[in-house]
Amino acid sequence: MSGLATLIAVGLIVVIALFILGGLLRSFILIAREYERYVVFRLGRSIGAKGPGLIILIPLIDTATKVDLREQFMEVPQQTAITKDNAPISVDFLTYWKVSDPERSVLQVGNFAAASQGIATTTLRAVIGDITLDDVLAQRERINQTLRSKLDEVTERWGVKITAVEIREITPPREVQEAMNRQMSAERTRRALVTEAEGKRQAAVTLADGEKTAAILRAEGSKQSAILEAEGQKMAQALRAEGFATALNAIFEAARHVDANTMLIQYLEALKAIGASPATKYIFPMEFTNLVKPLAEMMAANGKGTRDSIQPSGE
């Protein structure tokens, strides 16, 4: 039993020794990731930043402080500031930063987060105090750039770079908000009236252009119609004249083959028609004598022939 107890005691001592040795090894054998650096102090004096990779410290002589090189952000709570035109506003924003010099970030500042927040709030009040309320509301990007540059001037000596500043919200006083709402409503009403007037003007211009185009088209159509009608009348008159000419030629051609007896028969038919008329007065043109002259000569010739034929029979 005494031997077993001895073995158990020895085992416990070995385990405890291993834990102590492992702790010592973890304290003096460090592994730094790619985004980490260790600022090593030897007997209290800085010997620089080490890493990434394996870092071996001298036990009881060296100590190390870990620094993260990744970009970090810090939220600055809502702060009240007075603008250049004495309007109180509340502003909250974010600051983005990263360590550029690990050794100075450890040696030059004890609590960077608290120090940078204090610098940020005082810088914010100074920047807002130089800008009017309208510019604060309208030039947010300009304020961001001004804050970033002023904060960077301070934090540069700490080995920290301010990469960006972003204002999240700007809250003006209630009365200012009400005035802004009224101004916005008036502006929207003005824009609506301007848009409506512009629409009416465009509609009137479009209507006038349409009426002008329609009038031009109607005039053009009337012109074309008149031209076509005139051309049609011209062609119709030409065709009628051509028909008359053809008819006259046919009449003249037929008249050339008509003998005197045929003409006399026509004259007699005309006289018969005149005689059948109930009128008691007749008006004959002077040329009518020329028409009946052949008939008179024929009658005279016929009468003479009759007398000649009767006289011998009388004897």
C-alpha atoms as a PDB file:
ATOM      1  CA  MET A   1       0.000   0.000   0.000  1.00  0.00           C
ATOM      2  CA  SER A   2       2.811   2.360   0.802  1.00  0.00           C
ATOM      3  CA  GLY A   3       4.312   1.764  -2.666  1.00  0.00           C
ATOM      4  CA  LEU A   4       1.029   2.492  -4.376  1.00  0.00           C
ATOM      5  CA  ALA A   5       0.631   5.672  -2.421  1.00  0.00           C
ATOM      6  CA  THR A   6       4.121   6.672  -3.395  1.00  0.00           C
ATOM      7  CA  LEU A   7       3.368   6.095  -7.082  1.00  0.00           C
ATOM      8  CA  ILE A   8       0.184   8.125  -6.829  1.00  0.00           C
ATOM      9  CA  ALA A   9       2.030  10.968  -5.163  1.00  0.00           C
ATOM     10  CA  VAL A  10       4.753  10.888  -7.788  1.00  0.00           C
ATOM     11  CA  GLY A  11       2.133  10.901 -10.544  1.00  0.00           C
ATOM     12  CA  LEU A  12       0.413  13.904  -9.062  1.00  0.00           C
ATOM     13  CA  ILE A  13       3.696  15.720  -8.760  1.00  0.00           C
ATOM     14  CA  VAL A  14       4.509  14.968 -12.405  1.00  0.00           C
ATOM     15  CA  VAL A  15       1.087  16.163 -13.585  1.00  0.00           C
ATOM     16  CA  ILE A  16       1.394  19.356 -11.584  1.00  0.00           C
ATOM     17  CA  ALA A  17       4.897  19.883 -12.950  1.00  0.00           C
ATOM     18  CA  LEU A  18       3.643  19.386 -16.484  1.00  0.00           C
ATOM     19  CA  PHE A  19       0.838  21.921 -15.960  1.00  0.00           C
ATOM     20  CA  ILE A  20       3.322  24.396 -14.553  1.00  0.00           C
ATOM     21  CA  LEU A  21       5.745  23.723 -17.392  1.00  0.00           C
ATOM     22  CA  GLY A  22       2.949  24.066 -19.972  1.00  0.00           C
ATOM     23  CA  GLY A  23       1.903  27.369 -18.456  1.00  0.00           C
ATOM     24  CA  LEU A  24       5.482  28.566 -18.491  1.00  0.00           C
ATOM     25  CA  LEU A  25       5.842  27.440 -22.104  1.00  0.00           C
ATOM     26  CA  ARG A  26       2.640  29.197 -23.099  1.00  0.00           C
ATOM     27  CA  SER A  27       3.928  32.336 -21.398  1.00  0.00           C
ATOM     28  CA  PHE A  28       7.303  32.332 -23.141  1.00  0.00           C
ATOM     29  CA  ILE A  29       6.534  30.637 -26.452  1.00  0.00           C
ATOM     30  CA  LEU A  30       4.030  32.705 -28.443  1.00  0.00           C
ATOM     31  CA  ILE A  31       2.523  32.279 -31.881  1.00  0.00           C
ATOM     32  CA  ALA A  32       1.394  35.518 -33.546  1.00  0.00           C
ATOM     33  CA  ARG A  33      -1.218  35.366 -36.299  1.00  0.00           C
ATOM     34  CA  GLU A  34      -0.870  37.335 -39.518  1.00  0.00           C
ATOM     35  CA  TYR A  35      -2.952  40.222 -38.182  1.00  0.00           C
ATOM     36  CA  GLU A  36      -1.263  40.253 -34.739  1.00  0.00           C
ATOM     37  CA  ARG A  37       1.944  41.747 -33.398  1.00  0.00           C
ATOM     38  CA  TYR A  38       3.571  41.437 -29.960  1.00  0.00           C
ATOM     39  CA  VAL A  39       5.420  44.403 -28.472  1.00  0.00           C
ATOM     40  CA  VAL A  40       8.202  42.762 -26.422  1.00  0.00           C
ATOM     41  CA  PHE A  41       9.606  44.361 -23.260  1.00  0.00           C
ATOM     42  CA  ARG A  42      12.935  43.108 -21.887  1.00  0.00           C
ATOM     43  CA  LEU A  43      13.483  44.138 -18.318  1.00  0.00           C
ATOM     44  CA  GLY A  44      10.860  46.854 -18.920  1.00  0.00           C
ATOM     45  CA  ARG A  45      12.458  48.295 -22.064  1.00  0.00           C
ATOM     46  CA  SER A  46      10.746  47.922 -25.425  1.00  0.00           C
ATOM     47  CA  ILE A  47      12.729  45.938 -27.970  1.00  0.00           C
ATOM     48  CA  GLY A  48      10.152  46.361 -30.783  1.00  0.00           C
ATOM     49  CA  ALA A  49       7.186  44.557 -32.247  1.00  0.00           C
ATOM     50  CA  LYS A  50       7.511  40.864 -33.104  1.00  0.00           C
ATOM     51  CA  GLY A  51       5.468  38.678 -35.421  1.00  0.00           C
ATOM     52  CA  PRO A  52       3.815  37.093 -37.182  1.00  0.00           C
ATOM     53  CA  GLY A  53       4.949  33.529 -36.449  1.00  0.00           C
ATOM     54  CA  LEU A  54       6.798  31.941 -33.534  1.00  0.00           C
ATOM     55  CA  ILE A  55       8.033  34.274 -30.761  1.00  0.00           C
ATOM     56  CA  ILE A  56      10.232  32.978 -27.944  1.00  0.00           C
ATOM     57  CA  LEU A  57      10.559  35.036 -24.792  1.00  0.00           C
ATOM     58  CA  ILE A  58      13.209  34.744 -22.111  1.00  0.00           C
ATOM     59  CA  PRO A  59      11.489  33.520 -18.948  1.00  0.00           C
ATOM     60  CA  LEU A  60      11.224  36.029 -16.128  1.00  0.00           C
ATOM     61  CA  ILE A  61      12.934  38.678 -18.301  1.00  0.00           C
ATOM     62  CA  ASP A  62      10.706  39.289 -21.313  1.00  0.00           C
ATOM     63  CA  THR A  63       7.045  40.288 -21.376  1.00  0.00           C
ATOM     64  CA  ALA A  64       4.806  40.943 -24.385  1.00  0.00           C
ATOM     65  CA  THR A  65       1.697  42.966 -25.216  1.00  0.00           C
ATOM     66  CA  LYS A  66      -0.532  41.825 -28.090  1.00  0.00           C
ATOM     67  CA  VAL A  67      -1.701  44.345 -30.698  1.00  0.00           C
ATOM     68  CA  ASP A  68      -4.427  43.672 -33.277  1.00  0.00           C
ATOM     69  CA  LEU A  69      -3.718  45.219 -36.692  1.00  0.00           C
ATOM     70  CA  ARG A  70      -7.216  44.717 -38.112  1.00  0.00           C
ATOM     71  CA  GLU A  71      -9.481  47.688 -38.750  1.00  0.00           C
ATOM     72  CA  GLN A  72     -11.730  48.421 -35.802  1.00  0.00           C
ATOM     73  CA  PHE A  73     -14.705  50.696 -35.304  1.00  0.00           C
ATOM     74  CA  MET A  74     -15.841  52.721 -32.354  1.00  0.00           C
ATOM     75  CA  GLU A  75     -19.355  54.017 -31.791  1.00  0.00           C
ATOM     76  CA  VAL A  76     -19.519  57.567 -30.464  1.00  0.00           C
ATOM     77  CA  PRO A  77     -22.840  58.004 -28.644  1.00  0.00           C
ATOM     78  CA  GLN A  78     -25.214  60.861 -29.405  1.00  0.00           C
ATOM     79  CA  GLN A  79     -23.620  64.217 -28.674  1.00  0.00           C
ATOM     80  CA  THR A  80     -25.232  67.654 -28.481  1.00  0.00           C
ATOM     81  CA  ALA A  81     -23.511  70.424 -30.423  1.00  0.00           C
ATOM     82  CA  ILE A  82     -24.313  74.055 -31.219  1.00  0.00           C
ATOM     83  CA  THR A  83     -24.149  75.176 -34.844  1.00  0.00           C
ATOM     84  CA  LYS A  84     -22.769  78.467 -36.071  1.00  0.00           C
ATOM     85  CA  ASP A  85     -26.270  79.972 -36.115  1.00  0.00           C
ATOM     86  CA  ASN A  86     -26.908  78.823 -32.502  1.00  0.00           C
ATOM     87  CA  ALA A  87     -29.130  75.823 -33.281  1.00  0.00           C
ATOM     88  CA  PRO A  88     -28.661  72.844 -30.912  1.00  0.00           C
ATOM     89  CA  ILE A  89     -28.476  69.493 -32.685  1.00  0.00           C
ATOM     90  CA  SER A  90     -27.737  65.915 -31.624  1.00  0.00           C
ATOM     91  CA  VAL A  91     -25.215  63.889 -33.634  1.00  0.00           C
ATOM     92  CA  ASP A  92     -23.968  60.326 -33.304  1.00  0.00           C
ATOM     93  CA  PHE A  93     -21.336  58.762 -35.547  1.00  0.00           C
ATOM     94  CA  LEU A  94     -18.894  55.896 -36.045  1.00  0.00           C
ATOM     95  CA  THR A  95     -15.114  56.092 -36.338  1.00  0.00           C
ATOM     96  CA  TYR A  96     -13.090  53.418 -38.135  1.00  0.00           C
ATOM     97  CA  TRP A  97      -9.428  53.010 -37.217  1.00  0.00           C
ATOM     98  CA  LYS A  98      -6.502  50.631 -37.439  1.00  0.00           C
ATOM     99  CA  VAL A  99      -3.082  50.426 -35.845  1.00  0.00           C
ATOM    100  CA  SER A 100      -0.279  51.566 -38.135  1.00  0.00           C
ATOM    101  CA  ASP A 101       2.585  51.409 -35.588  1.00  0.00           C
ATOM    102  CA  PRO A 102       2.129  48.657 -32.932  1.00  0.00           C
ATOM    103  CA  GLU A 103       4.929  49.891 -30.689  1.00  0.00           C
ATOM    104  CA  ARG A 104       3.685  53.484 -30.494  1.00  0.00           C
ATOM    105  CA  SER A 105       0.074  52.322 -29.990  1.00  0.00           C
ATOM    106  CA  VAL A 106       1.275  50.618 -26.789  1.00  0.00           C
ATOM    107  CA  LEU A 107       3.823  53.171 -25.624  1.00  0.00           C
ATOM    108  CA  GLN A 108       2.025  56.455 -26.435  1.00  0.00           C
ATOM    109  CA  VAL A 109      -1.517  55.852 -25.163  1.00  0.00           C
ATOM    110  CA  GLY A 110      -2.853  53.825 -22.291  1.00  0.00           C
ATOM    111  CA  ASN A 111      -6.537  53.453 -23.295  1.00  0.00           C
ATOM    112  CA  PHE A 112      -6.931  54.296 -26.947  1.00  0.00           C
ATOM    113  CA  ALA A 113     -10.712  53.724 -27.037  1.00  0.00           C
ATOM    114  CA  ALA A 114     -11.457  56.176 -24.233  1.00  0.00           C
ATOM    115  CA  ALA A 115      -8.897  58.711 -25.471  1.00  0.00           C
ATOM    116  CA  SER A 116     -10.174  58.608 -29.070  1.00  0.00           C
ATOM    117  CA  GLN A 117     -13.800  58.922 -27.924  1.00  0.00           C
ATOM    118  CA  GLY A 118     -12.963  62.037 -25.927  1.00  0.00           C
ATOM    119  CA  ILE A 119     -11.059  63.516 -28.868  1.00  0.00           C
ATOM    120  CA  ALA A 120     -13.943  62.644 -31.196  1.00  0.00           C
ATOM    121  CA  THR A 121     -16.587  64.400 -29.099  1.00  0.00           C
ATOM    122  CA  THR A 122     -14.573  67.598 -28.663  1.00  0.00           C
ATOM    123  CA  THR A 123     -13.616  67.630 -32.353  1.00  0.00           C
ATOM    124  CA  LEU A 124     -17.264  67.130 -33.319  1.00  0.00           C
ATOM    125  CA  ARG A 125     -18.359  70.161 -31.303  1.00  0.00           C
ATOM    126  CA  ALA A 126     -15.578  72.267 -32.835  1.00  0.00           C
ATOM    127  CA  VAL A 127     -16.474  71.242 -36.393  1.00  0.00           C
ATOM    128  CA  ILE A 128     -20.234  71.701 -35.939  1.00  0.00           C
ATOM    129  CA  GLY A 129     -19.673  75.101 -34.306  1.00  0.00           C
ATOM    130  CA  ASP A 130     -18.126  76.409 -37.547  1.00  0.00           C
ATOM    131  CA  ILE A 131     -21.067  75.311 -39.779  1.00  0.00           C
ATOM    132  CA  THR A 132     -24.632  76.609 -40.030  1.00  0.00           C
ATOM    133  CA  LEU A 133     -27.601  74.303 -39.503  1.00  0.00           C
ATOM    134  CA  ASP A 134     -28.492  74.140 -43.193  1.00  0.00           C
ATOM    135  CA  ASP A 135     -24.916  73.162 -44.070  1.00  0.00           C
ATOM    136  CA  VAL A 136     -24.871  70.538 -41.327  1.00  0.00           C
ATOM    137  CA  LEU A 137     -27.983  68.922 -42.776  1.00  0.00           C
ATOM    138  CA  ALA A 138     -26.869  69.257 -46.403  1.00  0.00           C
ATOM    139  CA  GLN A 139     -23.099  68.664 -46.223  1.00  0.00           C
ATOM    140  CA  ARG A 140     -22.784  65.489 -44.215  1.00  0.00           C
ATOM    141  CA  GLU A 141     -19.947  64.154 -46.352  1.00  0.00           C
ATOM    142  CA  ARG A 142     -17.956  67.334 -45.835  1.00  0.00           C
ATOM    143  CA  ILE A 143     -18.370  67.001 -42.051  1.00  0.00           C
ATOM    144  CA  ASN A 144     -17.230  63.370 -42.242  1.00  0.00           C
ATOM    145  CA  GLN A 145     -14.059  64.344 -44.081  1.00  0.00           C
ATOM    146  CA  THR A 146     -13.342  67.227 -41.688  1.00  0.00           C
ATOM    147  CA  LEU A 147     -13.797  65.016 -38.630  1.00  0.00           C
ATOM    148  CA  ARG A 148     -11.610  62.287 -40.102  1.00  0.00           C
ATOM    149  CA  SER A 149      -8.746  64.660 -40.906  1.00  0.00           C
ATOM    150  CA  LYS A 150      -8.851  66.377 -37.498  1.00  0.00           C
ATOM    151  CA  LEU A 151      -9.030  63.091 -35.581  1.00  0.00           C
ATOM    152  CA  ASP A 152      -6.231  61.648 -37.688  1.00  0.00           C
ATOM    153  CA  GLU A 153      -3.984  64.574 -36.784  1.00  0.00           C
ATOM    154  CA  VAL A 154      -4.358  63.675 -33.096  1.00  0.00           C
ATOM    155  CA  THR A 155      -4.227  59.875 -33.309  1.00  0.00           C
ATOM    156  CA  GLU A 156      -1.246  59.833 -35.659  1.00  0.00           C
ATOM    157  CA  ARG A 157       1.135  60.340 -32.736  1.00  0.00           C
ATOM    158  CA  TRP A 158      -0.373  57.234 -31.128  1.00  0.00           C
ATOM    159  CA  GLY A 159       0.452  55.091 -34.154  1.00  0.00           C
ATOM    160  CA  VAL A 160      -3.230  54.790 -35.074  1.00  0.00           C
ATOM    161  CA  LYS A 161      -4.777  55.739 -38.412  1.00  0.00           C
ATOM    162  CA  ILE A 162      -8.397  57.003 -38.607  1.00  0.00           C
ATOM    163  CA  THR A 163      -9.657  55.464 -41.857  1.00  0.00           C
ATOM    164  CA  ALA A 164     -13.205  56.829 -41.933  1.00  0.00           C
ATOM    165  CA  VAL A 165     -15.855  58.752 -40.003  1.00  0.00           C
ATOM    166  CA  GLU A 166     -19.533  58.188 -40.744  1.00  0.00           C
ATOM    167  CA  ILE A 167     -22.311  60.297 -39.228  1.00  0.00           C
ATOM    168  CA  ARG A 168     -25.320  58.058 -38.625  1.00  0.00           C
ATOM    169  CA  GLU A 169     -27.964  60.526 -37.536  1.00  0.00           C
ATOM    170  CA  ILE A 170     -28.411  64.265 -37.098  1.00  0.00           C
ATOM    171  CA  THR A 171     -31.400  65.310 -35.010  1.00  0.00           C
ATOM    172  CA  PRO A 172     -32.326  69.012 -35.082  1.00  0.00           C
ATOM    173  CA  PRO A 173     -34.613  70.601 -32.457  1.00  0.00           C
ATOM    174  CA  ARG A 174     -38.371  69.964 -32.656  1.00  0.00           C
ATOM    175  CA  GLU A 175     -39.237  73.491 -33.769  1.00  0.00           C
ATOM    176  CA  VAL A 176     -36.615  73.248 -36.498  1.00  0.00           C
ATOM    177  CA  GLN A 177     -38.081  69.920 -37.610  1.00  0.00           C
ATOM    178  CA  GLU A 178     -41.559  71.472 -37.771  1.00  0.00           C
ATOM    179  CA  ALA A 179     -40.232  74.396 -39.806  1.00  0.00           C
ATOM    180  CA  MET A 180     -38.435  71.971 -42.108  1.00  0.00           C
ATOM    181  CA  ASN A 181     -41.628  69.974 -42.560  1.00  0.00           C
ATOM    182  CA  ARG A 182     -43.557  73.130 -43.452  1.00  0.00           C
ATOM    183  CA  GLN A 183     -40.817  74.183 -45.844  1.00  0.00           C
ATOM    184  CA  MET A 184     -40.807  70.715 -47.414  1.00  0.00           C
ATOM    185  CA  SER A 185     -44.583  70.808 -47.827  1.00  0.00           C
ATOM    186  CA  ALA A 186     -44.437  74.267 -49.417  1.00  0.00           C
ATOM    187  CA  GLU A 187     -41.651  73.132 -51.722  1.00  0.00           C
ATOM    188  CA  ARG A 188     -43.624  70.079 -52.792  1.00  0.00           C
ATOM    189  CA  THR A 189     -46.687  72.253 -53.452  1.00  0.00           C
ATOM    190  CA  ARG A 190     -44.568  74.630 -55.505  1.00  0.00           C
ATOM    191  CA  ARG A 191     -43.083  71.763 -57.500  1.00  0.00           C
ATOM    192  CA  ALA A 192     -46.548  70.337 -58.094  1.00  0.00           C
ATOM    193  CA  LEU A 193     -47.810  73.695 -59.369  1.00  0.00           C
ATOM    194  CA  VAL A 194     -44.750  74.130 -61.561  1.00  0.00           C
ATOM    195  CA  THR A 195     -45.133  70.609 -62.916  1.00  0.00           C
ATOM    196  CA  GLU A 196     -48.843  71.158 -63.581  1.00  0.00           C
ATOM    197  CA  ALA A 197     -48.167  74.475 -65.349  1.00  0.00           C
ATOM    198  CA  GLU A 198     -45.403  72.887 -67.377  1.00  0.00           C
ATOM    199  CA  GLY A 199     -47.747  70.050 -68.315  1.00  0.00           C
ATOM    200  CA  LYS A 200     -50.443  72.478 -69.423  1.00  0.00           C
ATOM    201  CA  ARG A 201     -47.913  74.452 -71.436  1.00  0.00           C
ATOM    202  CA  GLN A 202     -46.624  71.318 -73.112  1.00  0.00           C
ATOM    203  CA  ALA A 203     -50.205  70.208 -73.813  1.00  0.00           C
ATOM    204  CA  ALA A 204     -51.059  73.604 -75.346  1.00  0.00           C
ATOM    205  CA  VAL A 205     -47.909  73.537 -77.467  1.00  0.00           C
ATOM    206  CA  THR A 206     -48.638  69.987 -78.577  1.00  0.00           C
ATOM    207  CA  LEU A 207     -52.259  70.886 -79.382  1.00  0.00           C
ATOM    208  CA  ALA A 208     -51.173  73.959 -81.356  1.00  0.00           C
ATOM    209  CA  ASP A 209     -48.612  71.890 -83.247  1.00  0.00           C
ATOM    210  CA  GLY A 210     -51.297  69.309 -83.994  1.00  0.00           C
ATOM    211  CA  GLU A 211     -53.732  71.944 -85.254  1.00  0.00           C
ATOM    212  CA  LYS A 212     -50.994  73.519 -87.348  1.00  0.00           C
ATOM    213  CA  THR A 213     -50.058  70.169 -88.840  1.00  0.00           C
ATOM    214  CA  ALA A 214     -53.733  69.360 -89.472  1.00  0.00           C
ATOM    215  CA  ALA A 215     -54.283  72.724 -91.198  1.00  0.00           C
ATOM    216  CA  ILE A 216     -51.215  72.168 -93.354  1.00  0.00           C
ATOM    217  CA  LEU A 217     -52.403  68.698 -94.259  1.00  0.00           C
ATOM    218  CA  ARG A 218     -55.923  69.983 -95.027  1.00  0.00           C
ATOM    219  CA  ALA A 219     -54.502  72.765 -97.216  1.00  0.00           C
ATOM    220  CA  GLU A 220     -52.219  70.286 -98.928  1.00  0.00           C
ATOM    221  CA  GLY A 221     -55.159  67.945 -99.466  1.00  0.00           C
ATOM    222  CA  SER A 222     -57.343  70.762-100.863  1.00  0.00           C
ATOM    223  CA  LYS A 223     -54.523  71.755-103.167  1.00  0.00           C
ATOM    224  CA  GLN A 224     -54.038  68.232-104.418  1.00  0.00           C
ATOM    225  CA  SER A 225     -57.821  67.821-104.813  1.00  0.00           C
ATOM    226  CA  ALA A 226     -58.090  71.072-106.798  1.00  0.00           C
ATOM    227  CA  ILE A 227     -55.164  70.044-108.969  1.00  0.00           C
ATOM    228  CA  LEU A 228     -56.672  66.645-109.599  1.00  0.00           C
ATOM    229  CA  GLU A 229     -60.117  68.171-110.291  1.00  0.00           C
ATOM    230  CA  ALA A 230     -58.631  70.712-112.709  1.00  0.00           C
ATOM    231  CA  GLU A 231     -56.673  67.988-114.460  1.00  0.00           C
ATOM    232  CA  GLY A 232     -59.866  65.892-114.656  1.00  0.00           C
ATOM    233  CA  GLN A 233     -61.839  68.796-116.124  1.00  0.00           C
ATOM    234  CA  LYS A 234     -59.039  69.475-118.563  1.00  0.00           C
ATOM    235  CA  MET A 235     -59.006  65.871-119.688  1.00  0.00           C
ATOM    236  CA  ALA A 236     -62.849  65.811-119.903  1.00  0.00           C
ATOM    237  CA  GLN A 237     -62.907  68.967-122.007  1.00  0.00           C
ATOM    238  CA  ALA A 238     -60.186  67.588-124.219  1.00  0.00           C
ATOM    239  CA  LEU A 239     -62.157  64.369-124.641  1.00  0.00           C
ATOM    240  CA  ARG A 240     -65.398  66.314-125.388  1.00  0.00           C
ATOM    241  CA  ALA A 241     -63.590  68.510-127.908  1.00  0.00           C
ATOM    242  CA  GLU A 242     -62.089  65.427-129.448  1.00  0.00           C
ATOM    243  CA  GLY A 243     -65.584  63.853-129.600  1.00  0.00           C
ATOM    244  CA  PHE A 244     -67.061  66.973-131.205  1.00  0.00           C
ATOM    245  CA  ALA A 245     -64.250  67.076-133.700  1.00  0.00           C
ATOM    246  CA  THR A 246     -64.809  63.416-134.546  1.00  0.00           C
ATOM    247  CA  ALA A 247     -68.572  63.987-134.871  1.00  0.00           C
ATOM    248  CA  LEU A 248     -68.097  67.030-137.110  1.00  0.00           C
ATOM    249  CA  ASN A 249     -65.663  65.136-139.254  1.00  0.00           C
ATOM    250  CA  ALA A 250     -68.224  62.336-139.532  1.00  0.00           C
ATOM    251  CA  ILE A 251     -70.977  64.867-140.418  1.00  0.00           C
ATOM    252  CA  PHE A 252     -68.811  66.611-142.948  1.00  0.00           C
ATOM    253  CA  GLU A 253     -67.811  63.295-144.437  1.00  0.00           C
ATOM    254  CA  ALA A 254     -71.485  62.241-144.682  1.00  0.00           C
ATOM    255  CA  ALA A 255     -72.521  65.619-146.069  1.00  0.00           C
ATOM    256  CA  ARG A 256     -70.088  65.220-148.925  1.00  0.00           C
ATOM    257  CA  HIS A 257     -72.083  62.237-150.180  1.00  0.00           C
ATOM    258  CA  VAL A 258     -75.594  63.823-149.809  1.00  0.00           C
ATOM    259  CA  ASP A 259     -77.203  64.996-153.157  1.00  0.00           C
ATOM    260  CA  ALA A 260     -79.525  67.954-153.673  1.00  0.00           C
ATOM    261  CA  ASN A 261     -82.705  65.872-153.626  1.00  0.00           C
ATOM    262  CA  THR A 262     -81.900  64.504-150.226  1.00  0.00           C
ATOM    263  CA  MET A 263     -81.364  67.994-148.941  1.00  0.00           C
ATOM    264  CA  LEU A 264     -84.678  69.094-150.442  1.00  0.00           C
ATOM    265  CA  ILE A 265     -86.482  66.264-148.720  1.00  0.00           C
ATOM    266  CA  GLN A 266     -84.952  67.407-145.450  1.00  0.00           C
ATOM    267  CA  TYR A 267     -86.056  70.972-146.130  1.00  0.00           C
ATOM    268  CA  LEU A 268     -89.625  69.795-146.860  1.00  0.00           C
ATOM    269  CA  GLU A 269     -89.695  67.828-143.653  1.00  0.00           C
ATOM    270  CA  ALA A 270     -88.609  70.914-141.786  1.00  0.00           C
ATOM    271  CA  LEU A 271     -91.291  73.028-143.450  1.00  0.00           C
ATOM    272  CA  LYS A 272     -93.904  70.390-142.670  1.00  0.00           C
ATOM    273  CA  ALA A 273     -92.898  70.514-138.988  1.00  0.00           C
ATOM    274  CA  ILE A 274     -93.140  74.283-139.040  1.00  0.00           C
ATOM    275  CA  GLY A 275     -96.534  74.146-140.683  1.00  0.00           C
ATOM    276  CA  ALA A 276     -97.861  71.720-138.093  1.00  0.00           C
ATOM    277  CA  SER A 277     -96.967  74.165-135.356  1.00  0.00           C
ATOM    278  CA  PRO A 278     -99.962  76.107-133.870  1.00  0.00           C
ATOM    279  CA  ALA A 279     -98.028  79.363-134.024  1.00  0.00           C
ATOM    280  CA  THR A 280     -99.348  82.106-136.312  1.00  0.00           C
ATOM    281  CA  LYS A 281     -96.064  83.909-136.711  1.00  0.00           C
ATOM    282  CA  TYR A 282     -92.799  82.487-137.900  1.00  0.00           C
ATOM    283  CA  ILE A 283     -89.395  84.077-137.885  1.00  0.00           C
ATOM    284  CA  PHE A 284     -86.981  82.825-140.480  1.00  0.00           C
ATOM    285  CA  PRO A 285     -83.379  83.829-140.599  1.00  0.00           C
ATOM    286  CA  MET A 286     -82.094  85.544-143.703  1.00  0.00           C
ATOM    287  CA  GLU A 287     -80.082  82.496-144.530  1.00  0.00           C
ATOM    288  CA  PHE A 288     -83.380  80.592-144.905  1.00  0.00           C
ATOM    289  CA  THR A 289     -83.760  81.951-148.465  1.00  0.00           C
ATOM    290  CA  ASN A 290     -80.569  80.214-149.350  1.00  0.00           C
ATOM    291  CA  LEU A 291     -82.059  77.036-147.958  1.00  0.00           C
ATOM    292  CA  VAL A 292     -85.336  77.250-149.960  1.00  0.00           C
ATOM    293  CA  LYS A 293     -83.783  78.631-153.143  1.00  0.00           C
ATOM    294  CA  PRO A 294     -82.980  75.155-154.505  1.00  0.00           C
ATOM    295  CA  LEU A 295     -86.557  74.129-153.724  1.00  0.00           C
ATOM    296  CA  ALA A 296     -87.987  77.129-155.589  1.00  0.00           C
ATOM    297  CA  GLU A 297     -85.800  76.420-158.561  1.00  0.00           C
ATOM    298  CA  MET A 298     -86.912  72.797-158.536  1.00  0.00           C
ATOM    299  CA  MET A 299     -90.569  73.816-158.333  1.00  0.00           C
ATOM    300  CA  ALA A 300     -90.100  76.291-161.112  1.00  0.00           C
ATOM    301  CA  ALA A 301     -88.459  73.676-163.280  1.00  0.00           C
ATOM    302  CA  ASN A 302     -91.202  71.214-162.523  1.00  0.00           C
ATOM    303  CA  GLY A 303     -93.899  73.788-163.362  1.00  0.00           C
ATOM    304  CA  LYS A 304     -92.326  74.634-166.698  1.00  0.00           C
ATOM    305  CA  GLY A 305     -92.091  71.035-167.576  1.00  0.00           C
ATOM    306  CA  THR A 306     -95.748  70.558-166.804  1.00  0.00           C
ATOM    307  CA  ARG A 307     -96.817  73.486-169.005  1.00  0.00           C
ATOM    308  CA  ASP A 308     -94.745  72.182-171.862  1.00  0.00           C
ATOM    309  CA  SER A 309     -96.365  68.835-171.540  1.00  0.00           C
ATOM    310  CA  ILE A 310     -99.908  70.300-171.368  1.00  0.00           C
ATOM    311  CA  GLN A 311     -99.664  72.700-174.342  1.00  0.00           C
ATOM    312  CA  PRO A 312     -99.183  70.094-177.061  1.00  0.00           C
ATOM    313  CA  SER A 313    -102.104  68.183-175.710  1.00  0.00           C
ATOM    314  CA  GLY A 314    -104.227  71.381-175.882  1.00  0.00           C
ATOM    315  CA  GLU A 315    -103.401  71.921-179.540  1.00  0.00           C
END
